[in-house]
N, C-alpha and C. Protein backbone atom coordinates (compact mmCIF):
# COMPACT_ATOMS: atom_id res chain seq x y z
N UNK A 1 0.85 -1.18 0.03
CA UNK A 1 0.01 0.02 -0.01
C UNK A 1 0.89 1.26 -0.01
N UNK A 2 0.59 2.23 -0.88
CA UNK A 2 1.36 3.43 -0.89
C UNK A 2 0.61 4.59 -0.35
N UNK A 3 1.30 5.43 0.55
CA UNK A 3 0.76 6.64 1.02
C UNK A 3 1.71 7.75 0.61
N UNK A 4 1.35 8.50 -0.36
CA UNK A 4 2.25 9.47 -0.96
C UNK A 4 3.36 8.78 -1.65
N UNK A 5 4.62 9.03 -1.25
CA UNK A 5 5.77 8.31 -1.82
C UNK A 5 6.36 7.36 -0.83
N UNK A 6 5.56 6.93 0.16
CA UNK A 6 6.07 6.02 1.16
C UNK A 6 5.37 4.66 1.01
N UNK A 7 6.15 3.62 0.95
CA UNK A 7 5.61 2.26 0.82
C UNK A 7 5.34 1.71 2.22
N UNK A 8 4.06 1.26 2.47
CA UNK A 8 3.69 0.72 3.77
C UNK A 8 3.38 -0.74 3.57
N UNK A 9 4.14 -1.59 4.31
CA UNK A 9 3.92 -3.04 4.23
C UNK A 9 3.36 -3.52 5.54
N UNK A 10 2.11 -4.10 5.53
CA UNK A 10 1.54 -4.66 6.78
C UNK A 10 2.32 -5.85 7.26
N UNK A 11 2.41 -6.04 8.59
CA UNK A 11 3.06 -7.20 9.16
C UNK A 11 2.30 -8.45 8.80
N UNK A 12 3.06 -9.52 8.41
CA UNK A 12 2.37 -10.79 8.15
C UNK A 12 1.79 -10.83 6.72
N UNK A 13 2.06 -9.89 5.85
CA UNK A 13 1.53 -9.90 4.56
C UNK A 13 0.03 -9.64 4.53
N UNK A 14 -0.66 -10.20 3.52
CA UNK A 14 -2.10 -10.02 3.37
C UNK A 14 -2.93 -10.53 4.55
N UNK A 15 -2.54 -11.69 5.09
CA UNK A 15 -3.30 -12.25 6.19
C UNK A 15 -3.21 -11.32 7.43
N UNK A 16 -1.98 -10.88 7.72
CA UNK A 16 -1.83 -10.02 8.85
C UNK A 16 -2.63 -8.72 8.68
N UNK A 17 -2.67 -8.16 7.49
CA UNK A 17 -3.45 -6.98 7.24
C UNK A 17 -4.94 -7.26 7.46
N UNK A 18 -5.39 -8.37 6.99
CA UNK A 18 -6.82 -8.73 7.13
C UNK A 18 -7.14 -8.89 8.65
N UNK A 19 -6.21 -9.58 9.35
CA UNK A 19 -6.49 -9.77 10.81
C UNK A 19 -6.46 -8.44 11.54
N UNK A 20 -5.62 -7.51 11.15
CA UNK A 20 -5.59 -6.22 11.82
C UNK A 20 -6.90 -5.44 11.55
N UNK A 21 -7.41 -5.54 10.31
CA UNK A 21 -8.69 -4.89 9.97
C UNK A 21 -9.83 -5.49 10.76
N UNK A 22 -9.91 -6.80 10.80
CA UNK A 22 -10.98 -7.50 11.54
C UNK A 22 -10.88 -7.21 13.02
N UNK A 23 -9.67 -7.20 13.59
CA UNK A 23 -9.43 -6.88 14.96
C UNK A 23 -9.90 -5.46 15.31
N UNK A 24 -9.59 -4.51 14.44
CA UNK A 24 -10.00 -3.11 14.76
C UNK A 24 -11.51 -2.93 14.68
N UNK A 25 -12.16 -3.67 13.72
CA UNK A 25 -13.64 -3.60 13.66
C UNK A 25 -14.23 -4.20 14.96
N UNK A 26 -13.71 -5.37 15.36
CA UNK A 26 -14.19 -5.99 16.58
C UNK A 26 -14.01 -5.08 17.81
N UNK A 27 -12.81 -4.47 17.92
CA UNK A 27 -12.57 -3.60 19.04
C UNK A 27 -13.52 -2.36 19.07
N UNK A 28 -13.83 -1.82 17.84
CA UNK A 28 -14.70 -0.67 17.87
C UNK A 28 -16.13 -1.09 18.22
N UNK A 29 -16.55 -2.27 17.79
CA UNK A 29 -17.85 -2.77 18.13
C UNK A 29 -17.94 -2.97 19.63
N UNK A 30 -16.92 -3.58 20.25
CA UNK A 30 -16.95 -3.80 21.65
C UNK A 30 -16.89 -2.49 22.44
N UNK A 31 -16.10 -1.55 22.00
CA UNK A 31 -16.08 -0.25 22.70
C UNK A 31 -17.47 0.47 22.59
N UNK A 32 -18.08 0.37 21.42
CA UNK A 32 -19.45 0.98 21.32
C UNK A 32 -20.46 0.35 22.24
N UNK A 33 -20.45 -1.01 22.28
CA UNK A 33 -21.32 -1.73 23.11
C UNK A 33 -21.07 -1.42 24.63
N UNK A 34 -19.79 -1.31 24.98
CA UNK A 34 -19.45 -0.97 26.35
C UNK A 34 -19.90 0.43 26.71
N UNK A 35 -19.69 1.33 25.82
CA UNK A 35 -20.16 2.74 26.07
C UNK A 35 -21.66 2.78 26.24
N UNK A 36 -22.43 2.04 25.42
CA UNK A 36 -23.84 2.08 25.55
C UNK A 36 -24.26 1.49 26.84
N UNK A 37 -23.61 0.42 27.33
CA UNK A 37 -23.99 -0.20 28.67
C UNK A 37 -23.67 0.81 29.78
N UNK A 38 -22.56 1.56 29.70
CA UNK A 38 -22.20 2.46 30.74
C UNK A 38 -23.12 3.66 30.81
N UNK A 39 -23.41 4.27 29.64
CA UNK A 39 -24.17 5.50 29.59
C UNK A 39 -25.72 5.28 29.43
N UNK A 40 -26.12 4.07 29.68
CA UNK A 40 -27.54 3.79 29.51
C UNK A 40 -28.38 4.42 30.60
């Protein structure tokens, strides 16, 4: 993946990139659910 003129390589190749994306989505869902439970 290129950002401007800098080449960015995710750790673990394509699988590592996919796992990072899935992990961030899961973390954001968990944080949203937690915030809803706290501020209910």
